[in-house]
Amino acid sequence: VFSVLAWQELKAAIFVTGSEISTGRIKDTFSPVVLEKLAAFPVETSMLEMVGDQLSDIRDAIVRAHDAGIKLIFCTGGMSVDPDDHTPGAIRASGAEIVSYGTPVFPGAMFMLAYFEDGTSVMGLPGGVMYAKRSILDEVLPRIIAGLRLSKADFAKMAVGGLFS
């Protein structure tokens, strides 16, 4: 037995991290990938901002989007364990509850998913999402837009066959 869930009409925010992007030294090539993936769903991107590398700036952007009623929040990049990568800390500091930081799926192993109490999702997208045709984002995005709240158990089930090609 299975059920078919309808996609929800949602508003999204995309926050592109990286001082090299926010200062214009290099071009943002991540947000076009996210926008292309969102185009398949009834999602309106209400915010698209370059926020730099500072934990406080990333956190404040997440909180501002949440306060504005946006239900899908994406933070691109800055997801590794490098001390200069503050996106995971900013997501934690936003008040959203972390479901998973790291997945058994490649590309996208350093993906982070968190939820606010009202169901708003915050996703930290690692660089692999930008470069790969198919990644962890393709696996979780339809589920989240259908209103499913993913759990640690959902990510654990992805361990079998978690390589996208």
N, C-alpha and C. Protein backbone atom coordinates (compact mmCIF):
# COMPACT_ATOMS: atom_id res chain seq x y z
N VAL A 1 0.85 -1.17 0.00
CA VAL A 1 0.00 0.00 0.00
C VAL A 1 0.89 1.23 0.00
N PHE A 2 0.52 2.19 -0.79
CA PHE A 2 1.26 3.44 -0.83
C PHE A 2 0.29 4.59 -0.99
N SER A 3 0.76 5.77 -0.77
CA SER A 3 -0.07 6.95 -0.97
C SER A 3 0.69 7.94 -1.84
N VAL A 4 -0.07 8.71 -2.57
CA VAL A 4 0.50 9.74 -3.43
C VAL A 4 0.22 11.09 -2.78
N LEU A 5 1.26 11.83 -2.54
CA LEU A 5 1.12 13.13 -1.90
C LEU A 5 1.27 14.23 -2.94
N ALA A 6 0.46 15.25 -2.80
CA ALA A 6 0.55 16.40 -3.71
C ALA A 6 1.69 17.31 -3.26
N TRP A 7 2.32 17.94 -4.23
CA TRP A 7 3.34 18.92 -3.89
C TRP A 7 2.65 20.16 -3.33
N GLN A 8 3.29 20.77 -2.37
CA GLN A 8 2.77 21.99 -1.78
C GLN A 8 3.31 23.19 -2.55
N GLU A 9 2.50 24.24 -2.61
CA GLU A 9 2.98 25.50 -3.17
C GLU A 9 3.75 26.21 -2.06
N LEU A 10 5.03 26.42 -2.29
CA LEU A 10 5.90 26.96 -1.24
C LEU A 10 6.72 28.13 -1.76
N LYS A 11 7.21 28.92 -0.82
CA LYS A 11 8.17 29.98 -1.13
C LYS A 11 9.54 29.53 -0.64
N ALA A 12 10.56 29.89 -1.42
CA ALA A 12 11.93 29.48 -1.11
C ALA A 12 12.85 30.68 -0.98
N ALA A 13 13.91 30.47 -0.22
CA ALA A 13 15.01 31.44 -0.12
C ALA A 13 16.30 30.68 -0.42
N ILE A 14 17.16 31.31 -1.19
CA ILE A 14 18.48 30.75 -1.48
C ILE A 14 19.52 31.75 -1.00
N PHE A 15 20.37 31.29 -0.10
CA PHE A 15 21.45 32.13 0.41
C PHE A 15 22.77 31.53 -0.05
N VAL A 16 23.46 32.28 -0.88
CA VAL A 16 24.73 31.85 -1.45
C VAL A 16 25.83 32.33 -0.51
N THR A 17 26.59 31.39 0.03
CA THR A 17 27.65 31.75 0.96
C THR A 17 28.97 31.87 0.21
N GLY A 18 29.89 32.59 0.80
CA GLY A 18 31.23 32.73 0.22
C GLY A 18 31.57 34.19 -0.02
N SER A 19 32.59 34.68 0.66
CA SER A 19 32.99 36.08 0.48
C SER A 19 33.48 36.34 -0.93
N GLU A 20 34.06 35.33 -1.57
CA GLU A 20 34.53 35.51 -2.94
C GLU A 20 33.37 35.75 -3.90
N ILE A 21 32.20 35.27 -3.55
CA ILE A 21 31.01 35.51 -4.38
C ILE A 21 30.36 36.83 -3.99
N SER A 22 30.20 37.07 -2.68
CA SER A 22 29.52 38.29 -2.24
C SER A 22 30.31 39.55 -2.61
N THR A 23 31.63 39.43 -2.76
CA THR A 23 32.44 40.58 -3.16
C THR A 23 32.60 40.68 -4.68
N GLY A 24 32.08 39.69 -5.41
CA GLY A 24 32.14 39.73 -6.86
C GLY A 24 33.43 39.21 -7.47
N ARG A 25 34.30 38.62 -6.66
CA ARG A 25 35.55 38.07 -7.21
C ARG A 25 35.28 36.89 -8.13
N ILE A 26 34.31 36.07 -7.78
CA ILE A 26 33.90 34.98 -8.67
C ILE A 26 32.39 35.00 -8.83
N LYS A 27 31.94 34.41 -9.91
CA LYS A 27 30.52 34.40 -10.24
C LYS A 27 29.81 33.29 -9.47
N ASP A 28 28.60 33.57 -9.05
CA ASP A 28 27.76 32.56 -8.42
C ASP A 28 27.30 31.57 -9.48
N THR A 29 27.71 30.32 -9.34
CA THR A 29 27.26 29.28 -10.26
C THR A 29 26.39 28.25 -9.54
N PHE A 30 26.16 28.45 -8.24
CA PHE A 30 25.39 27.49 -7.46
C PHE A 30 23.89 27.78 -7.53
N SER A 31 23.50 29.04 -7.35
CA SER A 31 22.06 29.33 -7.31
C SER A 31 21.35 28.96 -8.62
N PRO A 32 21.96 29.11 -9.80
CA PRO A 32 21.26 28.66 -11.01
C PRO A 32 20.92 27.17 -10.99
N VAL A 33 21.77 26.36 -10.38
CA VAL A 33 21.51 24.92 -10.27
C VAL A 33 20.30 24.69 -9.37
N VAL A 34 20.25 25.37 -8.23
CA VAL A 34 19.12 25.21 -7.31
C VAL A 34 17.84 25.72 -7.97
N LEU A 35 17.91 26.86 -8.63
CA LEU A 35 16.73 27.41 -9.32
C LEU A 35 16.21 26.45 -10.38
N GLU A 36 17.12 25.82 -11.11
CA GLU A 36 16.71 24.85 -12.14
C GLU A 36 15.98 23.67 -11.51
N LYS A 37 16.48 23.18 -10.39
CA LYS A 37 15.82 22.05 -9.71
C LYS A 37 14.46 22.47 -9.17
N LEU A 38 14.35 23.68 -8.64
CA LEU A 38 13.08 24.16 -8.09
C LEU A 38 12.04 24.39 -9.18
N ALA A 39 12.48 24.64 -10.42
CA ALA A 39 11.56 24.94 -11.52
C ALA A 39 10.59 23.80 -11.80
N ALA A 40 10.92 22.60 -11.38
CA ALA A 40 10.05 21.44 -11.61
C ALA A 40 8.90 21.37 -10.61
N PHE A 41 8.88 22.27 -9.64
CA PHE A 41 7.90 22.21 -8.55
C PHE A 41 7.15 23.54 -8.43
N PRO A 42 6.02 23.53 -7.73
CA PRO A 42 5.29 24.78 -7.51
C PRO A 42 5.92 25.61 -6.40
N VAL A 43 7.14 26.05 -6.65
CA VAL A 43 7.92 26.79 -5.65
C VAL A 43 8.30 28.15 -6.25
N GLU A 44 8.05 29.20 -5.49
CA GLU A 44 8.44 30.55 -5.88
C GLU A 44 9.65 30.95 -5.05
N THR A 45 10.72 31.35 -5.72
CA THR A 45 11.90 31.81 -5.00
C THR A 45 11.70 33.28 -4.66
N SER A 46 11.50 33.55 -3.38
CA SER A 46 11.21 34.90 -2.90
C SER A 46 12.46 35.67 -2.51
N MET A 47 13.51 34.95 -2.14
CA MET A 47 14.78 35.59 -1.75
C MET A 47 15.93 34.85 -2.42
N LEU A 48 16.85 35.62 -2.96
CA LEU A 48 18.11 35.09 -3.49
C LEU A 48 19.18 36.11 -3.14
N GLU A 49 20.04 35.76 -2.19
CA GLU A 49 21.01 36.73 -1.69
C GLU A 49 22.39 36.10 -1.54
N MET A 50 23.41 36.93 -1.74
CA MET A 50 24.79 36.55 -1.48
C MET A 50 25.09 37.04 -0.06
N VAL A 51 25.42 36.12 0.83
CA VAL A 51 25.54 36.50 2.24
C VAL A 51 26.96 36.42 2.81
N GLY A 52 27.92 36.06 2.03
CA GLY A 52 29.29 36.00 2.54
C GLY A 52 29.56 34.77 3.37
N ASP A 53 30.58 34.87 4.22
CA ASP A 53 31.07 33.71 4.98
C ASP A 53 30.84 33.78 6.48
N GLN A 54 30.41 34.90 6.98
CA GLN A 54 30.29 35.07 8.43
C GLN A 54 29.09 34.31 8.99
N LEU A 55 29.32 33.57 10.06
CA LEU A 55 28.26 32.79 10.69
C LEU A 55 27.06 33.68 11.00
N SER A 56 27.30 34.85 11.57
CA SER A 56 26.19 35.72 11.96
C SER A 56 25.38 36.19 10.75
N ASP A 57 26.03 36.46 9.63
CA ASP A 57 25.31 36.89 8.43
C ASP A 57 24.45 35.77 7.86
N ILE A 58 24.99 34.56 7.84
CA ILE A 58 24.23 33.41 7.34
C ILE A 58 23.06 33.12 8.27
N ARG A 59 23.32 33.08 9.56
CA ARG A 59 22.26 32.85 10.55
C ARG A 59 21.16 33.89 10.43
N ASP A 60 21.54 35.16 10.36
CA ASP A 60 20.54 36.24 10.28
C ASP A 60 19.69 36.12 9.03
N ALA A 61 20.29 35.71 7.92
CA ALA A 61 19.54 35.53 6.68
C ALA A 61 18.52 34.40 6.83
N ILE A 62 18.93 33.31 7.45
CA ILE A 62 18.01 32.18 7.68
C ILE A 62 16.84 32.63 8.55
N VAL A 63 17.14 33.31 9.64
CA VAL A 63 16.09 33.77 10.56
C VAL A 63 15.16 34.75 9.86
N ARG A 64 15.71 35.66 9.06
CA ARG A 64 14.89 36.63 8.33
C ARG A 64 13.93 35.92 7.37
N ALA A 65 14.44 34.92 6.66
CA ALA A 65 13.58 34.17 5.73
C ALA A 65 12.48 33.43 6.49
N HIS A 66 12.85 32.80 7.58
CA HIS A 66 11.86 32.09 8.39
C HIS A 66 10.80 33.06 8.92
N ASP A 67 11.23 34.20 9.42
CA ASP A 67 10.29 35.21 9.93
C ASP A 67 9.37 35.74 8.84
N ALA A 68 9.83 35.70 7.58
CA ALA A 68 9.02 36.16 6.45
C ALA A 68 8.05 35.08 5.96
N GLY A 69 8.05 33.92 6.60
CA GLY A 69 7.12 32.86 6.22
C GLY A 69 7.60 31.96 5.10
N ILE A 70 8.86 32.05 4.75
CA ILE A 70 9.41 31.18 3.71
C ILE A 70 9.60 29.79 4.29
N LYS A 71 9.19 28.76 3.54
CA LYS A 71 9.18 27.39 4.05
C LYS A 71 10.34 26.52 3.57
N LEU A 72 11.04 26.93 2.52
CA LEU A 72 12.21 26.20 2.01
C LEU A 72 13.39 27.16 2.03
N ILE A 73 14.38 26.85 2.83
CA ILE A 73 15.55 27.72 2.93
C ILE A 73 16.79 26.91 2.54
N PHE A 74 17.52 27.42 1.56
CA PHE A 74 18.72 26.76 1.07
C PHE A 74 19.94 27.63 1.35
N CYS A 75 20.98 27.03 1.86
CA CYS A 75 22.27 27.70 2.02
C CYS A 75 23.27 26.93 1.17
N THR A 76 23.90 27.61 0.24
CA THR A 76 24.80 26.92 -0.68
C THR A 76 26.24 27.06 -0.21
N GLY A 77 26.93 25.94 -0.16
CA GLY A 77 28.35 25.94 0.13
C GLY A 77 28.69 26.12 1.59
N GLY A 78 29.99 26.06 1.86
CA GLY A 78 30.49 26.22 3.22
C GLY A 78 30.10 25.08 4.14
N MET A 79 29.97 23.87 3.58
CA MET A 79 29.43 22.74 4.35
C MET A 79 30.48 21.73 4.80
N SER A 80 31.74 21.95 4.48
CA SER A 80 32.75 20.96 4.86
C SER A 80 33.14 21.12 6.33
N VAL A 81 34.09 20.34 6.77
CA VAL A 81 34.55 20.43 8.16
C VAL A 81 35.70 21.43 8.30
N ASP A 82 35.97 22.18 7.27
CA ASP A 82 37.00 23.21 7.31
C ASP A 82 36.61 24.28 8.34
N PRO A 83 37.56 24.76 9.13
CA PRO A 83 37.22 25.77 10.15
C PRO A 83 36.65 27.07 9.57
N ASP A 84 36.90 27.33 8.29
CA ASP A 84 36.37 28.54 7.66
C ASP A 84 34.96 28.36 7.12
N ASP A 85 34.41 27.17 7.19
CA ASP A 85 33.06 26.91 6.70
C ASP A 85 32.07 27.03 7.85
N HIS A 86 31.26 28.08 7.80
CA HIS A 86 30.37 28.40 8.92
C HIS A 86 28.90 28.08 8.66
N THR A 87 28.57 27.56 7.52
CA THR A 87 27.16 27.30 7.22
C THR A 87 26.52 26.32 8.21
N PRO A 88 27.14 25.18 8.54
CA PRO A 88 26.50 24.29 9.52
C PRO A 88 26.27 24.97 10.87
N GLY A 89 27.24 25.74 11.33
CA GLY A 89 27.07 26.45 12.60
C GLY A 89 25.98 27.50 12.53
N ALA A 90 25.85 28.15 11.39
CA ALA A 90 24.80 29.16 11.21
C ALA A 90 23.42 28.52 11.22
N ILE A 91 23.30 27.37 10.59
CA ILE A 91 22.01 26.66 10.59
C ILE A 91 21.67 26.26 12.02
N ARG A 92 22.63 25.74 12.76
CA ARG A 92 22.40 25.39 14.17
C ARG A 92 21.99 26.62 14.97
N ALA A 93 22.70 27.73 14.77
CA ALA A 93 22.45 28.96 15.52
C ALA A 93 21.12 29.62 15.17
N SER A 94 20.53 29.25 14.04
CA SER A 94 19.25 29.84 13.62
C SER A 94 18.09 29.39 14.50
N GLY A 95 18.29 28.31 15.22
CA GLY A 95 17.21 27.76 16.04
C GLY A 95 16.52 26.57 15.42
N ALA A 96 16.89 26.23 14.19
CA ALA A 96 16.31 25.05 13.55
C ALA A 96 16.94 23.80 14.16
N GLU A 97 16.16 22.74 14.26
CA GLU A 97 16.64 21.47 14.83
C GLU A 97 17.28 20.62 13.74
N ILE A 98 18.51 20.21 13.96
CA ILE A 98 19.26 19.43 12.97
C ILE A 98 18.72 18.00 12.93
N VAL A 99 18.39 17.55 11.73
CA VAL A 99 17.99 16.16 11.50
C VAL A 99 19.21 15.35 11.10
N SER A 100 19.99 15.91 10.17
CA SER A 100 21.15 15.19 9.66
C SER A 100 22.21 16.17 9.18
N TYR A 101 23.44 15.91 9.56
CA TYR A 101 24.59 16.60 8.97
C TYR A 101 25.51 15.50 8.49
N GLY A 102 25.44 15.26 7.21
CA GLY A 102 26.14 14.14 6.59
C GLY A 102 25.13 13.07 6.21
N THR A 103 25.29 12.57 4.99
CA THR A 103 24.39 11.54 4.49
C THR A 103 25.22 10.43 3.86
N PRO A 104 24.66 9.22 3.78
CA PRO A 104 25.37 8.12 3.14
C PRO A 104 25.16 8.12 1.63
N VAL A 105 25.14 9.31 1.05
CA VAL A 105 24.85 9.47 -0.38
C VAL A 105 25.94 10.33 -1.00
N PHE A 106 26.38 9.92 -2.17
CA PHE A 106 27.38 10.70 -2.90
C PHE A 106 26.91 10.90 -4.32
N PRO A 107 26.94 12.11 -4.85
CA PRO A 107 27.41 13.34 -4.24
C PRO A 107 26.37 13.95 -3.28
N GLY A 108 26.91 14.61 -2.29
CA GLY A 108 26.08 15.29 -1.31
C GLY A 108 26.28 14.80 0.10
N ALA A 109 27.42 14.15 0.34
CA ALA A 109 27.65 13.54 1.65
C ALA A 109 27.63 14.54 2.80
N MET A 110 27.96 15.80 2.56
CA MET A 110 27.99 16.79 3.63
C MET A 110 26.71 17.63 3.67
N PHE A 111 25.63 17.10 3.13
CA PHE A 111 24.32 17.76 3.16
C PHE A 111 23.82 17.88 4.59
N MET A 112 23.14 18.98 4.88
CA MET A 112 22.53 19.17 6.20
C MET A 112 21.05 19.48 6.01
N LEU A 113 20.23 18.87 6.86
CA LEU A 113 18.80 19.17 6.89
C LEU A 113 18.40 19.50 8.32
N ALA A 114 17.67 20.59 8.45
CA ALA A 114 17.15 21.01 9.76
C ALA A 114 15.73 21.52 9.56
N TYR A 115 14.97 21.50 10.64
CA TYR A 115 13.60 22.01 10.60
C TYR A 115 13.36 22.97 11.76
N PHE A 116 12.61 24.01 11.48
CA PHE A 116 12.04 24.83 12.54
C PHE A 116 10.78 24.13 13.04
N GLU A 117 10.29 24.52 14.21
CA GLU A 117 9.12 23.87 14.80
C GLU A 117 7.90 23.90 13.89
N ASP A 118 7.78 24.95 13.06
CA ASP A 118 6.62 25.07 12.18
C ASP A 118 6.75 24.26 10.89
N GLY A 119 7.82 23.48 10.75
CA GLY A 119 8.02 22.64 9.57
C GLY A 119 8.88 23.25 8.49
N THR A 120 9.28 24.50 8.65
CA THR A 120 10.17 25.12 7.68
C THR A 120 11.48 24.33 7.61
N SER A 121 11.89 23.99 6.40
CA SER A 121 13.13 23.23 6.24
C SER A 121 14.28 24.16 5.88
N VAL A 122 15.43 23.83 6.43
CA VAL A 122 16.67 24.54 6.13
C VAL A 122 17.66 23.49 5.63
N MET A 123 18.17 23.71 4.43
CA MET A 123 19.09 22.76 3.83
C MET A 123 20.44 23.41 3.57
N GLY A 124 21.48 22.77 4.04
CA GLY A 124 22.85 23.17 3.73
C GLY A 124 23.33 22.31 2.58
N LEU A 125 23.63 22.95 1.46
CA LEU A 125 23.97 22.22 0.24
C LEU A 125 25.48 22.23 0.00
N PRO A 126 26.10 21.05 0.01
CA PRO A 126 27.54 20.97 -0.28
C PRO A 126 27.81 21.17 -1.77
N GLY A 127 29.06 21.44 -2.09
CA GLY A 127 29.45 21.71 -3.47
C GLY A 127 29.09 20.63 -4.46
N GLY A 128 29.05 19.37 -4.03
CA GLY A 128 28.71 18.29 -4.94
C GLY A 128 27.35 18.45 -5.60
N VAL A 129 26.44 19.13 -4.92
CA VAL A 129 25.10 19.37 -5.48
C VAL A 129 25.21 20.25 -6.72
N MET A 130 26.16 21.16 -6.73
CA MET A 130 26.32 22.08 -7.85
C MET A 130 26.90 21.38 -9.07
N TYR A 131 27.78 20.43 -8.86
CA TYR A 131 28.52 19.84 -9.98
C TYR A 131 27.89 18.57 -10.56
N ALA A 132 27.11 17.87 -9.78
CA ALA A 132 26.58 16.58 -10.21
C ALA A 132 25.20 16.73 -10.84
N LYS A 133 24.95 15.95 -11.86
CA LYS A 133 23.64 15.98 -12.49
C LYS A 133 22.56 15.53 -11.50
N ARG A 134 22.89 14.55 -10.68
CA ARG A 134 21.96 14.03 -9.68
C ARG A 134 22.70 13.93 -8.35
N SER A 135 22.03 14.37 -7.28
CA SER A 135 22.68 14.39 -5.97
C SER A 135 21.64 14.16 -4.87
N ILE A 136 22.07 14.30 -3.65
CA ILE A 136 21.18 14.15 -2.50
C ILE A 136 19.99 15.10 -2.59
N LEU A 137 20.18 16.28 -3.15
CA LEU A 137 19.07 17.24 -3.26
C LEU A 137 17.94 16.67 -4.10
N ASP A 138 18.27 15.96 -5.16
CA ASP A 138 17.24 15.35 -6.01
C ASP A 138 16.47 14.27 -5.27
N GLU A 139 17.08 13.67 -4.30
CA GLU A 139 16.44 12.62 -3.50
C GLU A 139 15.50 13.20 -2.45
N VAL A 140 15.90 14.29 -1.81
CA VAL A 140 15.10 14.81 -0.69
C VAL A 140 14.11 15.89 -1.09
N LEU A 141 14.41 16.67 -2.12
CA LEU A 141 13.56 17.81 -2.46
C LEU A 141 12.11 17.44 -2.76
N PRO A 142 11.84 16.43 -3.60
CA PRO A 142 10.44 16.09 -3.85
C PRO A 142 9.70 15.67 -2.57
N ARG A 143 10.38 14.99 -1.70
CA ARG A 143 9.75 14.55 -0.45
C ARG A 143 9.40 15.73 0.44
N ILE A 144 10.33 16.66 0.55
CA ILE A 144 10.09 17.83 1.39
C ILE A 144 8.97 18.69 0.81
N ILE A 145 8.96 18.87 -0.49
CA ILE A 145 7.91 19.68 -1.13
C ILE A 145 6.56 18.99 -1.03
N ALA A 146 6.54 17.67 -0.91
CA ALA A 146 5.28 16.93 -0.71
C ALA A 146 4.82 16.98 0.74
N GLY A 147 5.59 17.64 1.59
CA GLY A 147 5.17 17.80 2.98
C GLY A 147 5.68 16.76 3.93
N LEU A 148 6.56 15.88 3.46
CA LEU A 148 7.12 14.87 4.36
C LEU A 148 8.22 15.50 5.21
N ARG A 149 8.23 15.14 6.46
CA ARG A 149 9.29 15.58 7.37
C ARG A 149 10.28 14.43 7.48
N LEU A 150 11.45 14.60 6.88
CA LEU A 150 12.44 13.53 6.86
C LEU A 150 13.10 13.37 8.23
N SER A 151 13.51 12.14 8.51
CA SER A 151 14.12 11.80 9.79
C SER A 151 15.50 11.19 9.56
N LYS A 152 16.23 10.98 10.65
CA LYS A 152 17.52 10.29 10.57
C LYS A 152 17.34 8.91 9.94
N ALA A 153 16.23 8.24 10.26
CA ALA A 153 15.97 6.91 9.71
C ALA A 153 15.83 6.96 8.19
N ASP A 154 15.22 8.01 7.66
CA ASP A 154 15.10 8.15 6.21
C ASP A 154 16.48 8.23 5.56
N PHE A 155 17.39 8.96 6.18
CA PHE A 155 18.74 9.06 5.63
C PHE A 155 19.50 7.75 5.77
N ALA A 156 19.29 7.04 6.85
CA ALA A 156 19.96 5.75 7.05
C ALA A 156 19.56 4.75 5.96
N LYS A 157 18.31 4.80 5.53
CA LYS A 157 17.83 3.89 4.48
C LYS A 157 18.51 4.17 3.14
N MET A 158 19.05 5.36 2.98
CA MET A 158 19.72 5.70 1.72
C MET A 158 21.10 5.07 1.62
N ALA A 159 21.57 4.43 2.68
CA ALA A 159 22.92 3.87 2.69
C ALA A 159 23.10 2.75 1.68
N VAL A 160 22.04 2.06 1.33
CA VAL A 160 22.12 1.00 0.34
C VAL A 160 21.89 1.64 -1.02
N GLY A 161 22.91 1.61 -1.86
CA GLY A 161 22.78 2.18 -3.20
C GLY A 161 22.83 3.68 -3.22
N GLY A 162 23.55 4.30 -2.31
CA GLY A 162 23.56 5.75 -2.19
C GLY A 162 24.49 6.48 -3.13
N LEU A 163 24.87 5.86 -4.25
CA LEU A 163 25.75 6.51 -5.22
C LEU A 163 24.94 6.90 -6.44
N PHE A 164 24.87 8.20 -6.71
CA PHE A 164 24.17 8.67 -7.90
C PHE A 164 25.15 8.77 -9.05
N SER A 165 24.67 8.47 -10.23
CA SER A 165 25.55 8.60 -11.40
C SER A 165 24.87 9.41 -12.47
